[in-house]
Amino acid sequence: MANSNKLTIPSDSSFLETTIKTTNPDDALNEILSKKPQLFEFLASSYELDDCDKYVLLMRILNRVSKSSFTQMKSQLLLEVAKSKFCENLQLYLTKLSYQNNWEKSRNRYFWSDPLEFWNNFLTYCETIHTLSPYYAFEKCRPVMDVASSLCLPLLDEKHGFRLPEKCAQRLDTIKNKISVRETQSMTKETKQKKHVDYGPAPENFRVLNVYPRAEDLLESNPYLRPNIVNGSYESVEHYLDVQFRLLREDCYEPLRIGLLVTEPVMTNKQFGVVVKWDTSKKKYSRNIDWRQSKRFMFGSLLLFFKDNYSFFILGTVLDRNVNFLSQGLVVVQLINADLLEKNLYEANYHMLEYQVYFEPYFHVLTALQDSEFSEHLAMSKYIVSVDHTPTPPAYLTKSTQIYVSTSNGTRKFTVLDDATWPEPHEIGLDASQYEAYKSALTQEFVVIQGPPGTGKTYLGTQIAKTFLKNSPTFRNRPVIEGVLWPRIHDDVACRLLVLCYTNHALDQFLENILPTTRSRDFYGCYEDDDDGYYDLYLRMDERPEFKLKTLNMAESYLTTYRHTRNELEDANARLAVCQKKINIFNEGVYSYESIRDYCEAVALLEGYQNNSTDPLLFWLFEHVEMDGAEIDPKIFINEINENETEVGDNLQLNLDDIGRNEISESLFDSQLKIKASFLVSNVEHELEGLYGKYECPKTRLDNKNIIKNRDRLKKVDILDKEHVSDFTTEERWSIYFDWALTVKEDLLRTFRRLKVNQKYYYKAYEESRMIIDLCILREAEVVGVTTTCAARVRQLLQALNTPIVMVEEAAEVLEAHIISALTEHCQHLIMIGDHQQLRPSAASYKLARHFNMEISLFERMVNTGAPAPRLCLQHRMRPEIAALISPAIYPDLQNHPSVLQYPSVRGLTSNLYFFTHDNREEEDDEMLSLSNYYEADMMLGLANYLMKQGYSSEDITILATYSSQMVYLKNNISKYPLLKDVKITVVDNYQGEESKIILLSLVRNNEEGNVGFLATDNRVCVALSRAREGMYIMGNIDMLKKKSELWTKIAATLESNGSLGTSFVTKCQQHPDDKTEV
């Protein structure tokens, strides 16, 4: 008998005892998965009294696992447990529980020590199974719950005095009712005309809406939408999420809906499957595309395949951006709604439409917003939803919390919430406006900081981040030091700061700036890759390979889980490959007797119908073919027919290696799996067409050729219709064969689809196991940086990371939904830094941007609704005459730092700022849907070349264009000027946050209609005019701009007042300043 003071269970359950010690849900999932063989050996066994404590322990573990962030592995484990004998044994356990005597209780002490914990865990398990699979909840959990409610619980009350609390009893009734109902309800929605803007209640819960578009979505002309509320609060979190979800979803769908009206056929010869070939002859320019530079067919891009009437859509996403394939007119695609495909799907031509808006971020953000738990844990809802801007300190701060900062006189300690103890601005290297913003960032849980151009937004953000890092515990298990900024949230978590940036470049720049503050291995960046879609965890370590496991002391359970999911995925891929190989073999000729016998029993009637050297089926089909004494080769015969029937060209017999599937090594982290490669299926339509081939048919076989060509017109015949198989004519034999072949094809396709679904689940589990490995690494970091796109993709990872502080750089440039989807329930402090008067978020739909406030960022909305938003006022970038273009026109209180008064004049020109006005017309680029102005471009290149001859380096000069086509023209012609080979050329929208000593700006627009496009938008003009430090030279039509924009009228007046506007540049010799030339 065990010691009465110690709870013990049999030694063979030690794996459960080990796991129960792991309190973190993600770690518990890892631990139990690493012990999967022991777990399922136990689950497969019959109920015994000695197992009582095991059930209680397992229920506790499953409750913990249900809270894990890694959905696929968690779901797979819980459902596998449900499918086992666990529920049956649990039912027996509950049946006998109330009758246990004292000795039996001693074998079940985990329950009797805390029965309420067991019942709470039990209810959580049943609720979770119902969420994952109503079917298994009905089949497996319902009988157990019936025993619990009708037998076990009443007897526990009667015999042992234990009664379930009312709240738990209500949970039990609720889940029982949900499980018992178990009916499939199809959500039908009345089609009705909507107003341009809807303000009434939503017609359905946004969570039931699909993320991938369906035919009815794209044919809907007036979807239900409500505008983003930019002045006022939302009714509730649900109201807020509904508005954001529908707007983002429509922003994704509308360009696709419009695209259906302008598309043209690009598919040929009914080639549709996972490898898609488009007809390059229809688009001559597609042959000349530089696929390495092009943004077409990026990983995750949405493709739409449809017929002329748009009645049926097939969705696909790009799985592999293989440049060699693209140059041949091939792209590897994953079919989204493949389970809905009709058997005659491949018997018609289709149009293919590529969705030019990058679909991947939409998918991840929309999926995050639909998460049923997201609304419960939306961080900062007080500010975001209720628009309550009452300043509140972060939850981790107390009145006595002190921190350390570096000052000009050494290290200084002060009390964060006591203004009297703070150092002076000059002591910590900040100007007055930066100081106020810095103080807000440290003392308020929700902070919006506006930084006009050149005022040091990035510098301030770096100083704030450094303050957090300098006051953070840095080593695992290190005791919390009195006076540091925050306590540990979890023993295994060192990360305190999450940095979100809009672009890879901005993220890299920010992390590099804080590098001196943190140890070399203690910050990480997560970047997205457009080619293969994998996020890249950029580790600041000496080497990434093997992750230096000994140094990181990674638990073996993590590696076990990873290897297990990897092996399951390899097995699933192998099964897919075998099925694909069978399909490919069948394409080569007539199905063999042995192959057909596996699917059609009737073929056995041909047994023995052959000569000594021939397959009975082949001999039966070709018995009447005259071969002039030659041996019948039905494979060649069938393949000889197809040459004159198709113009396909090369046969697409691709295997896994053709698209670069990386072999899985035994290293901890192999190069990222190209699992997408295993999704290949051969040209499915040719599974039957492969029965006749590619050579000229001899006249002696013309009858058979015609039969095969016209197989659809053959009269249906059954092999049992005649007494002997030899009685059938050639035509009748082929009719029977084609029926058998169709059976084989359909069975193989069903098998392939089923295997593909299974592989999809294994792939998700594998990806999550990779994330858990990354989680183990990231817990060693002090700061993690991610792009907003990557944040949505790895949201599970961020959720598990428990990071309390989030900083968003260039926050005014990010769509609101992208920011909130990156905030987890653990966020206690949100700092947004940006400038809503520069670039706004980019919406794909003009209608949503104009009428639904889609381009109003969370940052700008908070400013508009009165959130305290300290603004930086002292600019350190532009010489005064350049700054005068935007101040006071855009920024009334922007001031110049003394340092900008000391800039030297630009060498070789008489003016440091000049607007060259002209009326040379723009050109349209139909391919790029953009604009060029060749006159401006040539002038800009000539001016840049002249400045280089004045002694400037390529790093000193940047040429900016307002349109991408102009940028391309500039780059294509820069080779004419060898001195300019390293000069940077880019578009304005890609240059926010950047600066250069000299900027050459090409405005491009110049037309008879007076259309200035987005040059009438103050935000973009602001960015364009605020990038230069010492010199700025602009080309455009100032008269046309003044007519369309009040801002340009003010700018023109400023230029005229200081003599910086004209129709020619004036150059001067550095050695002889009075020697001037007008150009």
Foldseek 3Di string as FASTA:
>chain_A
DDDPVDQDADPLLVLLVVLLVDQQLLVSLLSCLLVVVSVVVVLQDAADLSCQQVLLSVLSSLLSNLPALQPLSNLVVLVVSLPTCSLVNLLVCLQCVLVDDPVSCSSNVSCVVPVQSSLVSLLSSLVSCCVSPLVSSLVRVLSSLCCVVVPRQVSCCVRVVDHHDPVSVVSSVVSNVSSVVPDDDDDDDDDDDDDQADDDDDRDQLLVDDQDDWLVVLVRPRDHAHFDDLAAFAPALSRNLSRQLVLLSCLQRVVVSVVLVPFDAFAPDLQDDQKGATHCVVPVCQLVDPLVPDLPLWFQWKKWKADPVSPGIWIWGFAFSDVVQSNRRITGIDTDVVVPDDPCNSVDGIGMDTRPPRCLLSSLLSVLSSPPCLRVQQPPCVCLHRVDQDFDFFPFADQAAKFWDQFPVGIAIAGLPDVVGDDDQNRRPHDPLLVVQLSSQRGGQEAFAEEAFQLQLLVSVLRSVLRLLRLFDADQPDDRDPRGRGDDPDRLFRAAEEEAEAAPVVLVVSCVSNPVSDDQFFEWEWEADRRRGDIDIHTSDPDPFLPPCVVLVDDVSLLSLLVVLVVVLVVLLVLLQVLQVVLVVLLQAADALVLLCVQDVVSCLQVPCDDPPDGSLVCLLCVPQDDVPDDDDRSVQQAAQCQVVDDPPDFPPDALPNSPADDDDPTSDDDDGSSSSSSDHGSLVSSLVSNHHRRHHDPSCVVVSVLSVPVVPQDADDCVPDDHSNPDDSSNSVNNSVVSSSSSSVVSVVVSVVSVVVSVSSVSSSVSSVLVVVLSSNSSHHYYYYYLSVLSVVVSSLQSSLHAEYEYEQQQQDFASSVSSNDGSSHRHYYYYHHVLAHFHDRSDPSCVPPNVRRGHSSSSSVSNPRDYRYRAERAFAQVLLVVLVEPLPPPRHHYDVVLPPDDAQAFFPDQFAEAADQQAWDADPVVRKIARVVLLVVLLVVVLVSVVRVDALQQEEEEEQIPVHLVVNLVPNVVRVRNPSHHYYYLVVQPVAAHQEYEYEQRHHDPVLDSPCLQPSNSVSSRSSRHGGGYYYYYHLVSSVVRHVSSVSSVVSCVVVVRYDNWTKTAHPVGRVRIDTD
